[in-house]
Amino acid sequence: MATNDNRRLYRSRDRIIAGVCAGLADFFGLDVSLVRIATLALILFGGLSLWAYIILWLIVPKAPKPLKSE
């Protein structure tokens, strides 16, 4: 099984709040809606997810701006 070791976790520029859920969805190849629903469920019923979201918001860098093609 071949893996791509060049993947990096970034906060997405296509975001609703901070881009954390969209960045996680891009990184793991998941649908962003599923990640957002799972995060909301964990925040409402678990509590720990809110702290994880805030920490990721602070430490994960924004995605680099795409280069403009001429």
N, C-alpha and C. Protein backbone atom coordinates (compact mmCIF):
# COMPACT_ATOMS: atom_id res chain seq x y z
N MET A 1 0.84 -1.18 0.00
CA MET A 1 0.00 0.00 0.00
C MET A 1 0.89 1.24 0.00
N ALA A 2 0.73 2.09 -0.98
CA ALA A 2 1.53 3.31 -1.09
C ALA A 2 0.86 4.43 -0.31
N THR A 3 1.67 5.18 0.41
CA THR A 3 1.14 6.32 1.15
C THR A 3 1.80 7.59 0.66
N ASN A 4 1.09 8.68 0.83
CA ASN A 4 1.62 9.98 0.46
C ASN A 4 2.12 10.66 1.72
N ASP A 5 3.42 10.68 1.95
CA ASP A 5 3.98 11.25 3.16
C ASP A 5 4.08 12.77 3.11
N ASN A 6 3.72 13.38 1.99
CA ASN A 6 3.83 14.83 1.84
C ASN A 6 2.57 15.56 2.28
N ARG A 7 1.58 14.82 2.81
CA ARG A 7 0.34 15.47 3.26
C ARG A 7 0.61 16.29 4.51
N ARG A 8 -0.01 17.47 4.57
CA ARG A 8 0.09 18.33 5.76
C ARG A 8 -1.31 18.77 6.14
N LEU A 9 -1.50 18.94 7.42
CA LEU A 9 -2.80 19.40 7.92
C LEU A 9 -2.80 20.92 7.94
N TYR A 10 -3.76 21.50 7.23
CA TYR A 10 -3.95 22.95 7.20
C TYR A 10 -5.40 23.26 7.51
N ARG A 11 -5.63 24.45 8.05
CA ARG A 11 -7.00 24.96 8.17
C ARG A 11 -7.41 25.44 6.78
N SER A 12 -8.56 25.03 6.35
CA SER A 12 -9.02 25.34 5.01
C SER A 12 -9.40 26.81 4.88
N ARG A 13 -9.22 27.35 3.69
CA ARG A 13 -9.68 28.71 3.41
C ARG A 13 -11.18 28.70 3.08
N ASP A 14 -11.71 27.54 2.71
CA ASP A 14 -13.15 27.37 2.48
C ASP A 14 -13.75 26.94 3.82
N ARG A 15 -14.13 27.93 4.63
CA ARG A 15 -14.48 27.64 6.00
C ARG A 15 -15.78 28.31 6.42
N ILE A 16 -16.28 27.82 7.57
CA ILE A 16 -17.45 28.45 8.19
C ILE A 16 -17.00 29.24 9.40
N ILE A 17 -16.25 28.61 10.32
CA ILE A 17 -15.77 29.34 11.51
C ILE A 17 -14.26 29.55 11.39
N ALA A 18 -13.49 28.48 11.53
CA ALA A 18 -12.03 28.63 11.51
C ALA A 18 -11.36 27.75 10.47
N GLY A 19 -12.11 26.89 9.79
CA GLY A 19 -11.54 26.02 8.77
C GLY A 19 -10.98 24.72 9.31
N VAL A 20 -11.17 24.45 10.59
CA VAL A 20 -10.61 23.23 11.19
C VAL A 20 -11.30 21.99 10.63
N CYS A 21 -12.61 21.97 10.62
CA CYS A 21 -13.34 20.80 10.14
C CYS A 21 -13.06 20.55 8.65
N ALA A 22 -13.05 21.61 7.86
CA ALA A 22 -12.76 21.45 6.43
C ALA A 22 -11.33 20.97 6.21
N GLY A 23 -10.40 21.46 7.01
CA GLY A 23 -9.02 21.00 6.90
C GLY A 23 -8.87 19.54 7.28
N LEU A 24 -9.55 19.10 8.35
CA LEU A 24 -9.52 17.69 8.73
C LEU A 24 -10.16 16.82 7.66
N ALA A 25 -11.26 17.28 7.08
CA ALA A 25 -11.92 16.52 6.02
C ALA A 25 -11.00 16.37 4.81
N ASP A 26 -10.31 17.44 4.42
CA ASP A 26 -9.37 17.37 3.30
C ASP A 26 -8.23 16.42 3.61
N PHE A 27 -7.71 16.49 4.82
CA PHE A 27 -6.56 15.67 5.22
C PHE A 27 -6.90 14.18 5.20
N PHE A 28 -8.08 13.82 5.71
CA PHE A 28 -8.46 12.41 5.81
C PHE A 28 -9.29 11.94 4.61
N GLY A 29 -9.62 12.83 3.68
CA GLY A 29 -10.38 12.44 2.50
C GLY A 29 -11.84 12.14 2.80
N LEU A 30 -12.41 12.88 3.74
CA LEU A 30 -13.81 12.70 4.13
C LEU A 30 -14.67 13.84 3.64
N ASP A 31 -15.98 13.63 3.70
CA ASP A 31 -16.92 14.70 3.37
C ASP A 31 -16.94 15.70 4.51
N VAL A 32 -16.82 16.97 4.20
CA VAL A 32 -16.74 18.01 5.23
C VAL A 32 -18.01 18.06 6.07
N SER A 33 -19.16 17.75 5.49
CA SER A 33 -20.41 17.76 6.26
C SER A 33 -20.39 16.72 7.36
N LEU A 34 -19.85 15.55 7.08
CA LEU A 34 -19.76 14.50 8.10
C LEU A 34 -18.86 14.92 9.25
N VAL A 35 -17.75 15.57 8.93
CA VAL A 35 -16.82 16.02 9.97
C VAL A 35 -17.48 17.10 10.82
N ARG A 36 -18.20 18.01 10.18
CA ARG A 36 -18.88 19.07 10.92
C ARG A 36 -19.97 18.52 11.82
N ILE A 37 -20.74 17.54 11.33
CA ILE A 37 -21.79 16.93 12.15
C ILE A 37 -21.18 16.18 13.32
N ALA A 38 -20.11 15.43 13.08
CA ALA A 38 -19.45 14.69 14.15
C ALA A 38 -18.88 15.66 15.20
N THR A 39 -18.30 16.76 14.76
CA THR A 39 -17.75 17.74 15.69
C THR A 39 -18.86 18.36 16.53
N LEU A 40 -19.97 18.72 15.90
CA LEU A 40 -21.09 19.30 16.62
C LEU A 40 -21.65 18.30 17.64
N ALA A 41 -21.78 17.03 17.25
CA ALA A 41 -22.29 16.01 18.17
C ALA A 41 -21.34 15.85 19.36
N LEU A 42 -20.04 15.85 19.11
CA LEU A 42 -19.09 15.71 20.21
C LEU A 42 -19.10 16.94 21.12
N ILE A 43 -19.29 18.11 20.55
CA ILE A 43 -19.36 19.31 21.38
C ILE A 43 -20.60 19.26 22.27
N LEU A 44 -21.75 18.87 21.70
CA LEU A 44 -22.99 18.85 22.46
C LEU A 44 -23.04 17.73 23.50
N PHE A 45 -22.49 16.56 23.17
CA PHE A 45 -22.64 15.40 24.04
C PHE A 45 -21.36 15.00 24.76
N GLY A 46 -20.19 15.45 24.27
CA GLY A 46 -18.95 15.01 24.89
C GLY A 46 -18.21 16.10 25.63
N GLY A 47 -18.20 17.29 25.08
CA GLY A 47 -17.51 18.40 25.73
C GLY A 47 -16.05 18.51 25.36
N LEU A 48 -15.37 17.41 25.18
CA LEU A 48 -13.94 17.44 24.89
C LEU A 48 -13.66 18.02 23.50
N SER A 49 -14.56 17.84 22.58
CA SER A 49 -14.33 18.28 21.21
C SER A 49 -14.16 19.79 21.10
N LEU A 50 -14.84 20.55 21.94
CA LEU A 50 -14.71 22.00 21.90
C LEU A 50 -13.28 22.41 22.19
N TRP A 51 -12.67 21.78 23.21
CA TRP A 51 -11.27 22.10 23.53
C TRP A 51 -10.34 21.65 22.42
N ALA A 52 -10.60 20.50 21.83
CA ALA A 52 -9.77 20.01 20.72
C ALA A 52 -9.88 20.98 19.53
N TYR A 53 -11.10 21.46 19.25
CA TYR A 53 -11.31 22.39 18.15
C TYR A 53 -10.54 23.69 18.39
N ILE A 54 -10.61 24.22 19.60
CA ILE A 54 -9.91 25.47 19.92
C ILE A 54 -8.40 25.30 19.81
N ILE A 55 -7.89 24.18 20.30
CA ILE A 55 -6.44 23.92 20.21
C ILE A 55 -6.00 23.79 18.76
N LEU A 56 -6.78 23.05 17.95
CA LEU A 56 -6.43 22.93 16.53
C LEU A 56 -6.50 24.29 15.84
N TRP A 57 -7.48 25.12 16.19
CA TRP A 57 -7.61 26.45 15.63
C TRP A 57 -6.34 27.26 15.89
N LEU A 58 -5.76 27.10 17.07
CA LEU A 58 -4.57 27.87 17.44
C LEU A 58 -3.27 27.33 16.86
N ILE A 59 -3.15 26.01 16.69
CA ILE A 59 -1.85 25.46 16.29
C ILE A 59 -1.74 25.05 14.83
N VAL A 60 -2.86 24.78 14.16
CA VAL A 60 -2.80 24.36 12.76
C VAL A 60 -2.74 25.61 11.88
N PRO A 61 -1.75 25.67 10.97
CA PRO A 61 -1.63 26.87 10.12
C PRO A 61 -2.71 26.92 9.05
N LYS A 62 -2.98 28.12 8.57
CA LYS A 62 -3.89 28.30 7.45
C LYS A 62 -3.28 27.70 6.20
N ALA A 63 -4.12 27.24 5.29
CA ALA A 63 -3.65 26.72 4.02
C ALA A 63 -2.98 27.85 3.23
N PRO A 64 -1.89 27.54 2.54
CA PRO A 64 -1.25 28.58 1.74
C PRO A 64 -2.17 29.05 0.62
N LYS A 65 -2.03 30.29 0.26
CA LYS A 65 -2.83 30.84 -0.84
C LYS A 65 -2.41 30.18 -2.14
N PRO A 66 -3.40 29.84 -2.99
CA PRO A 66 -3.04 29.23 -4.29
C PRO A 66 -2.31 30.25 -5.17
N LEU A 67 -1.40 29.74 -5.94
CA LEU A 67 -0.66 30.61 -6.86
C LEU A 67 -1.59 31.02 -7.99
N LYS A 68 -1.52 32.29 -8.37
CA LYS A 68 -2.34 32.79 -9.47
C LYS A 68 -1.69 32.38 -10.79
N SER A 69 -2.49 31.74 -11.64
CA SER A 69 -1.96 31.36 -12.96
C SER A 69 -2.29 32.49 -13.94
N GLU A 70 -1.37 32.74 -14.81
CA GLU A 70 -1.54 33.86 -15.74
C GLU A 70 -2.07 33.38 -17.04
